[in-house]
Amino acid sequence: MNEGDGEANLAYYALHELHILPHELMALSVRERAAIYAMIAVRVDKEKRERSRGKGRKR
């Protein structure tokens, strides 16, 4: 999620990982979308930490 339009990247994640269709996401209020985006950020950070921990164990 480091490149391009941030909201588009979040919508892509919502579609592929959470199975939220783009029209469903856009139908949400700004607050609801903000909550979804914040939850995605928490999940992505957790996944990054888990990946970095896994790399340390393989050595």
C-alpha atoms as a PDB file:
ATOM      1  CA  MET A   1       0.000   0.000   0.000  1.00  0.00           C
ATOM      2  CA  ASN A   2       2.911   2.335  -0.492  1.00  0.00           C
ATOM      3  CA  GLU A   3       2.212   3.520  -4.031  1.00  0.00           C
ATOM      4  CA  GLY A   4      -0.531   5.398  -5.833  1.00  0.00           C
ATOM      5  CA  ASP A   5      -3.847   6.614  -4.529  1.00  0.00           C
ATOM      6  CA  GLY A   6      -4.232   5.663  -0.875  1.00  0.00           C
ATOM      7  CA  GLU A   7      -7.995   5.314  -0.971  1.00  0.00           C
ATOM      8  CA  ALA A   8      -7.800   3.126  -4.074  1.00  0.00           C
ATOM      9  CA  ASN A   9      -5.283   0.860  -2.323  1.00  0.00           C
ATOM     10  CA  LEU A  10      -7.560   0.583   0.693  1.00  0.00           C
ATOM     11  CA  ALA A  11     -10.545  -0.182  -1.553  1.00  0.00           C
ATOM     12  CA  TYR A  12      -8.470  -2.882  -3.286  1.00  0.00           C
ATOM     13  CA  TYR A  13      -7.639  -4.435   0.087  1.00  0.00           C
ATOM     14  CA  ALA A  14     -11.285  -4.218   1.169  1.00  0.00           C
ATOM     15  CA  LEU A  15     -12.354  -5.999  -1.999  1.00  0.00           C
ATOM     16  CA  HIS A  16      -9.789  -8.778  -2.007  1.00  0.00           C
ATOM     17  CA  GLU A  17      -9.315  -9.446   1.680  1.00  0.00           C
ATOM     18  CA  LEU A  18     -12.628  -8.402   3.230  1.00  0.00           C
ATOM     19  CA  HIS A  19     -14.900  -9.078   0.236  1.00  0.00           C
ATOM     20  CA  ILE A  20     -16.456  -5.615   0.388  1.00  0.00           C
ATOM     21  CA  LEU A  21     -17.479  -4.571  -3.122  1.00  0.00           C
ATOM     22  CA  PRO A  22     -16.473  -1.068  -4.252  1.00  0.00           C
ATOM     23  CA  HIS A  23     -20.067   0.142  -4.555  1.00  0.00           C
ATOM     24  CA  GLU A  24     -20.770  -1.148  -1.036  1.00  0.00           C
ATOM     25  CA  LEU A  25     -17.708   0.650   0.292  1.00  0.00           C
ATOM     26  CA  MET A  26     -18.665   3.926  -1.394  1.00  0.00           C
ATOM     27  CA  ALA A  27     -22.230   3.633  -0.089  1.00  0.00           C
ATOM     28  CA  LEU A  28     -20.921   3.820   3.478  1.00  0.00           C
ATOM     29  CA  SER A  29     -20.785   7.142   5.269  1.00  0.00           C
ATOM     30  CA  VAL A  30     -17.450   8.927   5.565  1.00  0.00           C
ATOM     31  CA  ARG A  31     -17.194   7.826   9.198  1.00  0.00           C
ATOM     32  CA  GLU A  32     -17.921   4.192   8.362  1.00  0.00           C
ATOM     33  CA  ARG A  33     -15.304   4.204   5.572  1.00  0.00           C
ATOM     34  CA  ALA A  34     -12.809   5.844   7.920  1.00  0.00           C
ATOM     35  CA  ALA A  35     -13.426   3.084  10.467  1.00  0.00           C
ATOM     36  CA  ILE A  36     -12.952   0.379   7.813  1.00  0.00           C
ATOM     37  CA  TYR A  37      -9.731   2.067   6.617  1.00  0.00           C
ATOM     38  CA  ALA A  38      -8.421   2.309  10.169  1.00  0.00           C
ATOM     39  CA  MET A  39      -9.156  -1.367  10.759  1.00  0.00           C
ATOM     40  CA  ILE A  40      -7.365  -2.241   7.511  1.00  0.00           C
ATOM     41  CA  ALA A  41      -4.336  -0.249   8.661  1.00  0.00           C
ATOM     42  CA  VAL A  42      -4.263  -2.140  11.964  1.00  0.00           C
ATOM     43  CA  ARG A  43      -4.538  -5.475  10.155  1.00  0.00           C
ATOM     44  CA  VAL A  44      -1.796  -4.595   7.648  1.00  0.00           C
ATOM     45  CA  ASP A  45       0.529  -3.482  10.465  1.00  0.00           C
ATOM     46  CA  LYS A  46      -0.124  -6.753  12.292  1.00  0.00           C
ATOM     47  CA  GLU A  47       0.574  -8.774   9.132  1.00  0.00           C
ATOM     48  CA  LYS A  48       3.847  -6.869   8.600  1.00  0.00           C
ATOM     49  CA  ARG A  49       4.946  -7.564  12.177  1.00  0.00           C
ATOM     50  CA  GLU A  50       4.111 -11.263  11.798  1.00  0.00           C
ATOM     51  CA  ARG A  51       6.076 -11.457   8.536  1.00  0.00           C
ATOM     52  CA  SER A  52       9.096  -9.751  10.088  1.00  0.00           C
ATOM     53  CA  ARG A  53       8.985 -12.142  13.059  1.00  0.00           C
ATOM     54  CA  GLY A  54       8.824 -15.090  10.680  1.00  0.00           C
ATOM     55  CA  LYS A  55      11.892 -13.886   8.796  1.00  0.00           C
ATOM     56  CA  GLY A  56      13.901 -13.746  12.001  1.00  0.00           C
ATOM     57  CA  ARG A  57      13.059 -17.344  12.875  1.00  0.00           C
ATOM     58  CA  LYS A  58      14.148 -18.736   9.512  1.00  0.00           C
ATOM     59  CA  ARG A  59      17.765 -17.760  10.047  1.00  0.00           C
END
